[in-house]
Amino acid sequence: MQEINLEFKEELFKTQNEIISFNCELHEHLQKAMKDFIEKHPNWDQYRIIQAAIAGFLMQNGFHNRNLTRLYIGNMFAMNFEDK
């Protein structure tokens, strides 16, 4: 299993709405399910599904904070919560 690099560079966290991209291989059945879901729900895309899934997983497994909750709720209900 490949080790994940968890080192963070401070200058990357200077703005509020950071987006970090990563490559991830998905199982064929998971890919097909996502494709079918997106075809039936055009207001969703793969990025929104992945964000909601990761946020939901973390919340269900005991990681709670306001920003994670906002991201999860925002993705689930197509809301945009920006810190003002």
PDB file of N, CA and C in Angstrom:
ATOM      1  N   MET A   1       0.839  -1.176   0.000  1.00  0.00           N
ATOM      2  CA  MET A   1       0.000   0.000   0.000  1.00  0.00           C
ATOM      3  C   MET A   1       0.887   1.243   0.000  1.00  0.00           C
ATOM      4  N   GLN A   2       0.558   2.198  -0.801  1.00  0.00           N
ATOM      5  CA  GLN A   2       1.364   3.399  -0.922  1.00  0.00           C
ATOM      6  C   GLN A   2       1.150   4.320   0.273  1.00  0.00           C
ATOM      7  N   GLU A   3       2.253   4.866   0.798  1.00  0.00           N
ATOM      8  CA  GLU A   3       2.176   5.767   1.945  1.00  0.00           C
ATOM      9  C   GLU A   3       1.715   7.153   1.497  1.00  0.00           C
ATOM     10  N   ILE A   4       0.871   7.777   2.296  1.00  0.00           N
ATOM     11  CA  ILE A   4       0.347   9.106   1.989  1.00  0.00           C
ATOM     12  C   ILE A   4       1.240  10.159   2.639  1.00  0.00           C
ATOM     13  N   ASN A   5       1.618  11.168   1.885  1.00  0.00           N
ATOM     14  CA  ASN A   5       2.422  12.265   2.408  1.00  0.00           C
ATOM     15  C   ASN A   5       1.493  13.274   3.077  1.00  0.00           C
ATOM     16  N   LEU A   6       1.629  13.439   4.392  1.00  0.00           N
ATOM     17  CA  LEU A   6       0.756  14.336   5.140  1.00  0.00           C
ATOM     18  C   LEU A   6       1.438  15.632   5.550  1.00  0.00           C
ATOM     19  N   GLU A   7       2.576  15.952   4.923  1.00  0.00           N
ATOM     20  CA  GLU A   7       3.258  17.200   5.237  1.00  0.00           C
ATOM     21  C   GLU A   7       2.537  18.359   4.557  1.00  0.00           C
ATOM     22  N   PHE A   8       2.287  19.432   5.316  1.00  0.00           N
ATOM     23  CA  PHE A   8       1.571  20.590   4.798  1.00  0.00           C
ATOM     24  C   PHE A   8       2.498  21.791   4.719  1.00  0.00           C
ATOM     25  N   LYS A   9       2.378  22.552   3.663  1.00  0.00           N
ATOM     26  CA  LYS A   9       3.140  23.782   3.536  1.00  0.00           C
ATOM     27  C   LYS A   9       2.244  24.934   3.976  1.00  0.00           C
ATOM     28  N   GLU A  10       2.726  25.712   4.913  1.00  0.00           N
ATOM     29  CA  GLU A  10       1.937  26.796   5.512  1.00  0.00           C
ATOM     30  C   GLU A  10       1.400  27.769   4.467  1.00  0.00           C
ATOM     31  N   GLU A  11       2.189  28.108   3.427  1.00  0.00           N
ATOM     32  CA  GLU A  11       1.738  29.084   2.436  1.00  0.00           C
ATOM     33  C   GLU A  11       0.532  28.591   1.625  1.00  0.00           C
ATOM     34  N   LEU A  12       0.279  27.309   1.626  1.00  0.00           N
ATOM     35  CA  LEU A  12      -0.880  26.776   0.899  1.00  0.00           C
ATOM     36  C   LEU A  12      -2.196  27.035   1.631  1.00  0.00           C
ATOM     37  N   PHE A  13      -2.137  27.420   2.895  1.00  0.00           N
ATOM     38  CA  PHE A  13      -3.340  27.573   3.695  1.00  0.00           C
ATOM     39  C   PHE A  13      -3.670  29.027   4.013  1.00  0.00           C
ATOM     40  N   LYS A  14      -3.273  29.945   3.165  1.00  0.00           N
ATOM     41  CA  LYS A  14      -3.489  31.366   3.430  1.00  0.00           C
ATOM     42  C   LYS A  14      -4.849  31.869   2.971  1.00  0.00           C
ATOM     43  N   THR A  15      -5.542  31.143   2.126  1.00  0.00           N
ATOM     44  CA  THR A  15      -6.865  31.566   1.690  1.00  0.00           C
ATOM     45  C   THR A  15      -7.920  30.641   2.286  1.00  0.00           C
ATOM     46  N   GLN A  16      -9.154  31.090   2.318  1.00  0.00           N
ATOM     47  CA  GLN A  16     -10.238  30.345   2.953  1.00  0.00           C
ATOM     48  C   GLN A  16     -10.696  29.123   2.150  1.00  0.00           C
ATOM     49  N   ASN A  17     -10.799  29.245   0.837  1.00  0.00           N
ATOM     50  CA  ASN A  17     -11.389  28.184   0.021  1.00  0.00           C
ATOM     51  C   ASN A  17     -10.315  27.424  -0.758  1.00  0.00           C
ATOM     52  N   GLU A  18      -9.535  26.615  -0.048  1.00  0.00           N
ATOM     53  CA  GLU A  18      -8.478  25.843  -0.691  1.00  0.00           C
ATOM     54  C   GLU A  18      -9.066  24.584  -1.312  1.00  0.00           C
ATOM     55  N   ILE A  19      -8.555  24.248  -2.472  1.00  0.00           N
ATOM     56  CA  ILE A  19      -8.918  22.997  -3.128  1.00  0.00           C
ATOM     57  C   ILE A  19      -7.637  22.239  -3.381  1.00  0.00           C
ATOM     58  N   ILE A  20      -7.586  20.999  -2.936  1.00  0.00           N
ATOM     59  CA  ILE A  20      -6.422  20.151  -3.144  1.00  0.00           C
ATOM     60  C   ILE A  20      -6.862  18.998  -4.042  1.00  0.00           C
ATOM     61  N   SER A  21      -6.164  18.815  -5.143  1.00  0.00           N
ATOM     62  CA  SER A  21      -6.498  17.745  -6.083  1.00  0.00           C
ATOM     63  C   SER A  21      -5.653  16.514  -5.786  1.00  0.00           C
ATOM     64  N   PHE A  22      -6.236  15.349  -6.034  1.00  0.00           N
ATOM     65  CA  PHE A  22      -5.480  14.111  -5.921  1.00  0.00           C
ATOM     66  C   PHE A  22      -6.037  13.099  -6.899  1.00  0.00           C
ATOM     67  N   ASN A  23      -5.194  12.171  -7.295  1.00  0.00           N
ATOM     68  CA  ASN A  23      -5.626  11.095  -8.187  1.00  0.00           C
ATOM     69  C   ASN A  23      -6.022   9.905  -7.344  1.00  0.00           C
ATOM     70  N   CYS A  24      -7.085   9.243  -7.763  1.00  0.00           N
ATOM     71  CA  CYS A  24      -7.578   8.099  -7.013  1.00  0.00           C
ATOM     72  C   CYS A  24      -8.163   7.087  -7.995  1.00  0.00           C
ATOM     73  N   GLU A  25      -7.736   5.845  -7.889  1.00  0.00           N
ATOM     74  CA  GLU A  25      -8.321   4.794  -8.712  1.00  0.00           C
ATOM     75  C   GLU A  25      -9.583   4.283  -8.022  1.00  0.00           C
ATOM     76  N   LEU A  26     -10.656   4.192  -8.790  1.00  0.00           N
ATOM     77  CA  LEU A  26     -11.912   3.692  -8.249  1.00  0.00           C
ATOM     78  C   LEU A  26     -12.202   2.314  -8.819  1.00  0.00           C
ATOM     79  N   HIS A  27     -12.796   1.480  -8.002  1.00  0.00           N
ATOM     80  CA  HIS A  27     -13.220   0.165  -8.463  1.00  0.00           C
ATOM     81  C   HIS A  27     -14.232   0.359  -9.592  1.00  0.00           C
ATOM     82  N   GLU A  28     -14.226  -0.533 -10.561  1.00  0.00           N
ATOM     83  CA  GLU A  28     -15.106  -0.430 -11.730  1.00  0.00           C
ATOM     84  C   GLU A  28     -16.573  -0.294 -11.337  1.00  0.00           C
ATOM     85  N   HIS A  29     -17.016  -1.057 -10.342  1.00  0.00           N
ATOM     86  CA  HIS A  29     -18.425  -1.005  -9.927  1.00  0.00           C
ATOM     87  C   HIS A  29     -18.768   0.340  -9.291  1.00  0.00           C
ATOM     88  N   LEU A  30     -17.836   0.903  -8.546  1.00  0.00           N
ATOM     89  CA  LEU A  30     -18.045   2.213  -7.942  1.00  0.00           C
ATOM     90  C   LEU A  30     -18.115   3.297  -9.014  1.00  0.00           C
ATOM     91  N   GLN A  31     -17.236   3.199 -10.006  1.00  0.00           N
ATOM     92  CA  GLN A  31     -17.252   4.158 -11.114  1.00  0.00           C
ATOM     93  C   GLN A  31     -18.577   4.109 -11.868  1.00  0.00           C
ATOM     94  N   LYS A  32     -19.054   2.905 -12.152  1.00  0.00           N
ATOM     95  CA  LYS A  32     -20.317   2.757 -12.878  1.00  0.00           C
ATOM     96  C   LYS A  32     -21.484   3.302 -12.059  1.00  0.00           C
ATOM     97  N   ALA A  33     -21.482   3.030 -10.763  1.00  0.00           N
ATOM     98  CA  ALA A  33     -22.555   3.534  -9.895  1.00  0.00           C
ATOM     99  C   ALA A  33     -22.560   5.056  -9.874  1.00  0.00           C
ATOM    100  N   MET A  34     -21.363   5.671  -9.787  1.00  0.00           N
ATOM    101  CA  MET A  34     -21.282   7.136  -9.806  1.00  0.00           C
ATOM    102  C   MET A  34     -21.798   7.672 -11.135  1.00  0.00           C
ATOM    103  N   LYS A  35     -21.397   7.065 -12.239  1.00  0.00           N
ATOM    104  CA  LYS A  35     -21.837   7.509 -13.563  1.00  0.00           C
ATOM    105  C   LYS A  35     -23.358   7.428 -13.674  1.00  0.00           C
ATOM    106  N   ASP A  36     -23.938   6.312 -13.238  1.00  0.00           N
ATOM    107  CA  ASP A  36     -25.392   6.146 -13.288  1.00  0.00           C
ATOM    108  C   ASP A  36     -26.096   7.181 -12.418  1.00  0.00           C
ATOM    109  N   PHE A  37     -25.549   7.435 -11.229  1.00  0.00           N
ATOM    110  CA  PHE A  37     -26.142   8.420 -10.327  1.00  0.00           C
ATOM    111  C   PHE A  37     -26.112   9.816 -10.948  1.00  0.00           C
ATOM    112  N   ILE A  38     -24.974  10.192 -11.531  1.00  0.00           N
ATOM    113  CA  ILE A  38     -24.832  11.517 -12.131  1.00  0.00           C
ATOM    114  C   ILE A  38     -25.787  11.685 -13.317  1.00  0.00           C
ATOM    115  N   GLU A  39     -25.985  10.624 -14.082  1.00  0.00           N
ATOM    116  CA  GLU A  39     -26.930  10.701 -15.199  1.00  0.00           C
ATOM    117  C   GLU A  39     -28.354  10.946 -14.716  1.00  0.00           C
ATOM    118  N   LYS A  40     -28.705  10.386 -13.563  1.00  0.00           N
ATOM    119  CA  LYS A  40     -30.048  10.550 -13.005  1.00  0.00           C
ATOM    120  C   LYS A  40     -30.192  11.837 -12.197  1.00  0.00           C
ATOM    121  N   HIS A  41     -29.080  12.391 -11.738  1.00  0.00           N
ATOM    122  CA  HIS A  41     -29.084  13.594 -10.898  1.00  0.00           C
ATOM    123  C   HIS A  41     -28.084  14.593 -11.472  1.00  0.00           C
ATOM    124  N   PRO A  42     -28.463  15.337 -12.496  1.00  0.00           N
ATOM    125  CA  PRO A  42     -27.509  16.214 -13.189  1.00  0.00           C
ATOM    126  C   PRO A  42     -26.961  17.359 -12.346  1.00  0.00           C
ATOM    127  N   ASN A  43     -27.563  17.651 -11.194  1.00  0.00           N
ATOM    128  CA  ASN A  43     -27.026  18.701 -10.337  1.00  0.00           C
ATOM    129  C   ASN A  43     -25.840  18.196  -9.501  1.00  0.00           C
ATOM    130  N   TRP A  44     -25.516  16.908  -9.605  1.00  0.00           N
ATOM    131  CA  TRP A  44     -24.359  16.324  -8.933  1.00  0.00           C
ATOM    132  C   TRP A  44     -23.270  16.070  -9.967  1.00  0.00           C
ATOM    133  N   ASP A  45     -22.016  16.096  -9.521  1.00  0.00           N
ATOM    134  CA  ASP A  45     -20.901  15.662 -10.353  1.00  0.00           C
ATOM    135  C   ASP A  45     -19.971  14.821  -9.484  1.00  0.00           C
ATOM    136  N   GLN A  46     -18.922  14.268 -10.103  1.00  0.00           N
ATOM    137  CA  GLN A  46     -18.055  13.363  -9.356  1.00  0.00           C
ATOM    138  C   GLN A  46     -17.355  14.054  -8.192  1.00  0.00           C
ATOM    139  N   TYR A  47     -17.063  15.337  -8.333  1.00  0.00           N
ATOM    140  CA  TYR A  47     -16.373  16.060  -7.276  1.00  0.00           C
ATOM    141  C   TYR A  47     -17.283  16.252  -6.065  1.00  0.00           C
ATOM    142  N   ARG A  48     -18.515  16.584  -6.334  1.00  0.00           N
ATOM    143  CA  ARG A  48     -19.478  16.772  -5.244  1.00  0.00           C
ATOM    144  C   ARG A  48     -19.737  15.447  -4.519  1.00  0.00           C
ATOM    145  N   ILE A  49     -19.840  14.356  -5.277  1.00  0.00           N
ATOM    146  CA  ILE A  49     -20.060  13.034  -4.672  1.00  0.00           C
ATOM    147  C   ILE A  49     -18.884  12.664  -3.774  1.00  0.00           C
ATOM    148  N   ILE A  50     -17.666  12.820  -4.287  1.00  0.00           N
ATOM    149  CA  ILE A  50     -16.479  12.452  -3.519  1.00  0.00           C
ATOM    150  C   ILE A  50     -16.365  13.308  -2.258  1.00  0.00           C
ATOM    151  N   GLN A  51     -16.592  14.632  -2.385  1.00  0.00           N
ATOM    152  CA  GLN A  51     -16.517  15.504  -1.216  1.00  0.00           C
ATOM    153  C   GLN A  51     -17.549  15.114  -0.166  1.00  0.00           C
ATOM    154  N   ALA A  52     -18.781  14.865  -0.595  1.00  0.00           N
ATOM    155  CA  ALA A  52     -19.833  14.483   0.344  1.00  0.00           C
ATOM    156  C   ALA A  52     -19.506  13.141   0.997  1.00  0.00           C
ATOM    157  N   ALA A  53     -18.968  12.211   0.219  1.00  0.00           N
ATOM    158  CA  ALA A  53     -18.636  10.886   0.753  1.00  0.00           C
ATOM    159  C   ALA A  53     -17.522  10.954   1.792  1.00  0.00           C
ATOM    160  N   ILE A  54     -16.458  11.695   1.480  1.00  0.00           N
ATOM    161  CA  ILE A  54     -15.346  11.807   2.425  1.00  0.00           C
ATOM    162  C   ILE A  54     -15.782  12.545   3.693  1.00  0.00           C
ATOM    163  N   ALA A  55     -16.503  13.646   3.525  1.00  0.00           N
ATOM    164  CA  ALA A  55     -16.973  14.399   4.691  1.00  0.00           C
ATOM    165  C   ALA A  55     -17.916  13.546   5.539  1.00  0.00           C
ATOM    166  N   GLY A  56     -18.820  12.824   4.896  1.00  0.00           N
ATOM    167  CA  GLY A  56     -19.740  11.952   5.622  1.00  0.00           C
ATOM    168  C   GLY A  56     -19.008  10.848   6.370  1.00  0.00           C
ATOM    169  N   PHE A  57     -18.025  10.244   5.717  1.00  0.00           N
ATOM    170  CA  PHE A  57     -17.231   9.196   6.360  1.00  0.00           C
ATOM    171  C   PHE A  57     -16.520   9.726   7.599  1.00  0.00           C
ATOM    172  N   LEU A  58     -15.878  10.893   7.459  1.00  0.00           N
ATOM    173  CA  LEU A  58     -15.151  11.462   8.597  1.00  0.00           C
ATOM    174  C   LEU A  58     -16.093  11.799   9.748  1.00  0.00           C
ATOM    175  N   MET A  59     -17.238  12.372   9.437  1.00  0.00           N
ATOM    176  CA  MET A  59     -18.200  12.723  10.484  1.00  0.00           C
ATOM    177  C   MET A  59     -18.724  11.469  11.186  1.00  0.00           C
ATOM    178  N   GLN A  60     -19.026  10.426  10.416  1.00  0.00           N
ATOM    179  CA  GLN A  60     -19.536   9.191  10.998  1.00  0.00           C
ATOM    180  C   GLN A  60     -18.499   8.483  11.864  1.00  0.00           C
ATOM    181  N   ASN A  61     -17.232   8.792  11.624  1.00  0.00           N
ATOM    182  CA  ASN A  61     -16.162   8.137  12.369  1.00  0.00           C
ATOM    183  C   ASN A  61     -15.528   9.052  13.406  1.00  0.00           C
ATOM    184  N   GLY A  62     -16.279  10.049  13.853  1.00  0.00           N
ATOM    185  CA  GLY A  62     -15.881  10.818  15.017  1.00  0.00           C
ATOM    186  C   GLY A  62     -15.128  12.105  14.783  1.00  0.00           C
ATOM    187  N   PHE A  63     -14.883  12.501  13.533  1.00  0.00           N
ATOM    188  CA  PHE A  63     -14.186  13.768  13.298  1.00  0.00           C
ATOM    189  C   PHE A  63     -15.236  14.837  13.069  1.00  0.00           C
ATOM    190  N   HIS A  64     -15.345  15.774  13.998  1.00  0.00           N
ATOM    191  CA  HIS A  64     -16.363  16.814  13.904  1.00  0.00           C
ATOM    192  C   HIS A  64     -15.727  18.191  14.016  1.00  0.00           C
ATOM    193  N   ASN A  65     -16.021  19.034  13.065  1.00  0.00           N
ATOM    194  CA  ASN A  65     -15.709  20.458  13.183  1.00  0.00           C
ATOM    195  C   ASN A  65     -16.657  21.222  12.272  1.00  0.00           C
ATOM    196  N   ARG A  66     -16.783  22.496  12.526  1.00  0.00           N
ATOM    197  CA  ARG A  66     -17.771  23.325  11.829  1.00  0.00           C
ATOM    198  C   ARG A  66     -17.553  23.347  10.311  1.00  0.00           C
ATOM    199  N   ASN A  67     -16.306  23.489   9.856  1.00  0.00           N
ATOM    200  CA  ASN A  67     -16.034  23.566   8.420  1.00  0.00           C
ATOM    201  C   ASN A  67     -16.373  22.270   7.705  1.00  0.00           C
ATOM    202  N   LEU A  68     -16.086  21.137   8.342  1.00  0.00           N
ATOM    203  CA  LEU A  68     -16.429  19.843   7.753  1.00  0.00           C
ATOM    204  C   LEU A  68     -17.945  19.687   7.668  1.00  0.00           C
ATOM    205  N   THR A  69     -18.644  20.077   8.711  1.00  0.00           N
ATOM    206  CA  THR A  69     -20.107  19.996   8.707  1.00  0.00           C
ATOM    207  C   THR A  69     -20.696  20.873   7.611  1.00  0.00           C
ATOM    208  N   ARG A  70     -20.159  22.081   7.451  1.00  0.00           N
ATOM    209  CA  ARG A  70     -20.641  22.983   6.397  1.00  0.00           C
ATOM    210  C   ARG A  70     -20.416  22.380   5.012  1.00  0.00           C
ATOM    211  N   LEU A  71     -19.239  21.801   4.806  1.00  0.00           N
ATOM    212  CA  LEU A  71     -18.938  21.180   3.515  1.00  0.00           C
ATOM    213  C   LEU A  71     -19.902  20.029   3.228  1.00  0.00           C
ATOM    214  N   TYR A  72     -20.123  19.193   4.235  1.00  0.00           N
ATOM    215  CA  TYR A  72     -21.017  18.052   4.076  1.00  0.00           C
ATOM    216  C   TYR A  72     -22.445  18.497   3.770  1.00  0.00           C
ATOM    217  N   ILE A  73     -22.969  19.394   4.587  1.00  0.00           N
ATOM    218  CA  ILE A  73     -24.335  19.888   4.390  1.00  0.00           C
ATOM    219  C   ILE A  73     -24.447  20.610   3.054  1.00  0.00           C
ATOM    220  N   GLY A  74     -23.456  21.434   2.730  1.00  0.00           N
ATOM    221  CA  GLY A  74     -23.463  22.164   1.463  1.00  0.00           C
ATOM    222  C   GLY A  74     -23.504  21.244   0.265  1.00  0.00           C
ATOM    223  N   ASN A  75     -22.736  20.169   0.303  1.00  0.00           N
ATOM    224  CA  ASN A  75     -22.747  19.214  -0.803  1.00  0.00           C
ATOM    225  C   ASN A  75     -24.055  18.438  -0.867  1.00  0.00           C
ATOM    226  N   MET A  76     -24.557  18.046   0.281  1.00  0.00           N
ATOM    227  CA  MET A  76     -25.782  17.241   0.290  1.00  0.00           C
ATOM    228  C   MET A  76     -26.994  18.041  -0.181  1.00  0.00           C
ATOM    229  N   PHE A  77     -27.029  19.322   0.142  1.00  0.00           N
ATOM    230  CA  PHE A  77     -28.206  20.129  -0.171  1.00  0.00           C
ATOM    231  C   PHE A  77     -27.929  21.247  -1.163  1.00  0.00           C
ATOM    232  N   ALA A  78     -26.794  21.154  -1.885  1.00  0.00           N
ATOM    233  CA  ALA A  78     -26.407  22.113  -2.927  1.00  0.00           C
ATOM    234  C   ALA A  78     -26.390  23.548  -2.408  1.00  0.00           C
ATOM    235  N   MET A  79     -25.915  23.722  -1.183  1.00  0.00           N
ATOM    236  CA  MET A  79     -25.799  25.054  -0.604  1.00  0.00           C
ATOM    237  C   MET A  79     -24.358  25.504  -0.724  1.00  0.00           C
ATOM    238  N   ASN A  80     -24.138  26.789  -0.692  1.00  0.00           N
ATOM    239  CA  ASN A  80     -22.800  27.343  -0.722  1.00  0.00           C
ATOM    240  C   ASN A  80     -22.585  28.142   0.547  1.00  0.00           C
ATOM    241  N   PHE A  81     -21.830  27.579   1.491  1.00  0.00           N
ATOM    242  CA  PHE A  81     -21.530  28.261   2.740  1.00  0.00           C
ATOM    243  C   PHE A  81     -20.134  28.854   2.632  1.00  0.00           C
ATOM    244  N   GLU A  82     -20.051  30.134   2.458  1.00  0.00           N
ATOM    245  CA  GLU A  82     -18.764  30.796   2.429  1.00  0.00           C
ATOM    246  C   GLU A  82     -18.620  31.606   3.687  1.00  0.00           C
ATOM    247  N   ASP A  83     -17.451  31.523   4.309  1.00  0.00           N
ATOM    248  CA  ASP A  83     -17.206  32.313   5.518  1.00  0.00           C
ATOM    249  C   ASP A  83     -17.175  33.788   5.150  1.00  0.00           C
ATOM    250  N   LYS A  84     -17.905  34.582   5.891  1.00  0.00           N
ATOM    251  CA  LYS A  84     -17.952  36.033   5.620  1.00  0.00           C
ATOM    252  C   LYS A  84     -17.390  36.799   6.774  1.00  0.00           C
TER     253      LYS A  84
END
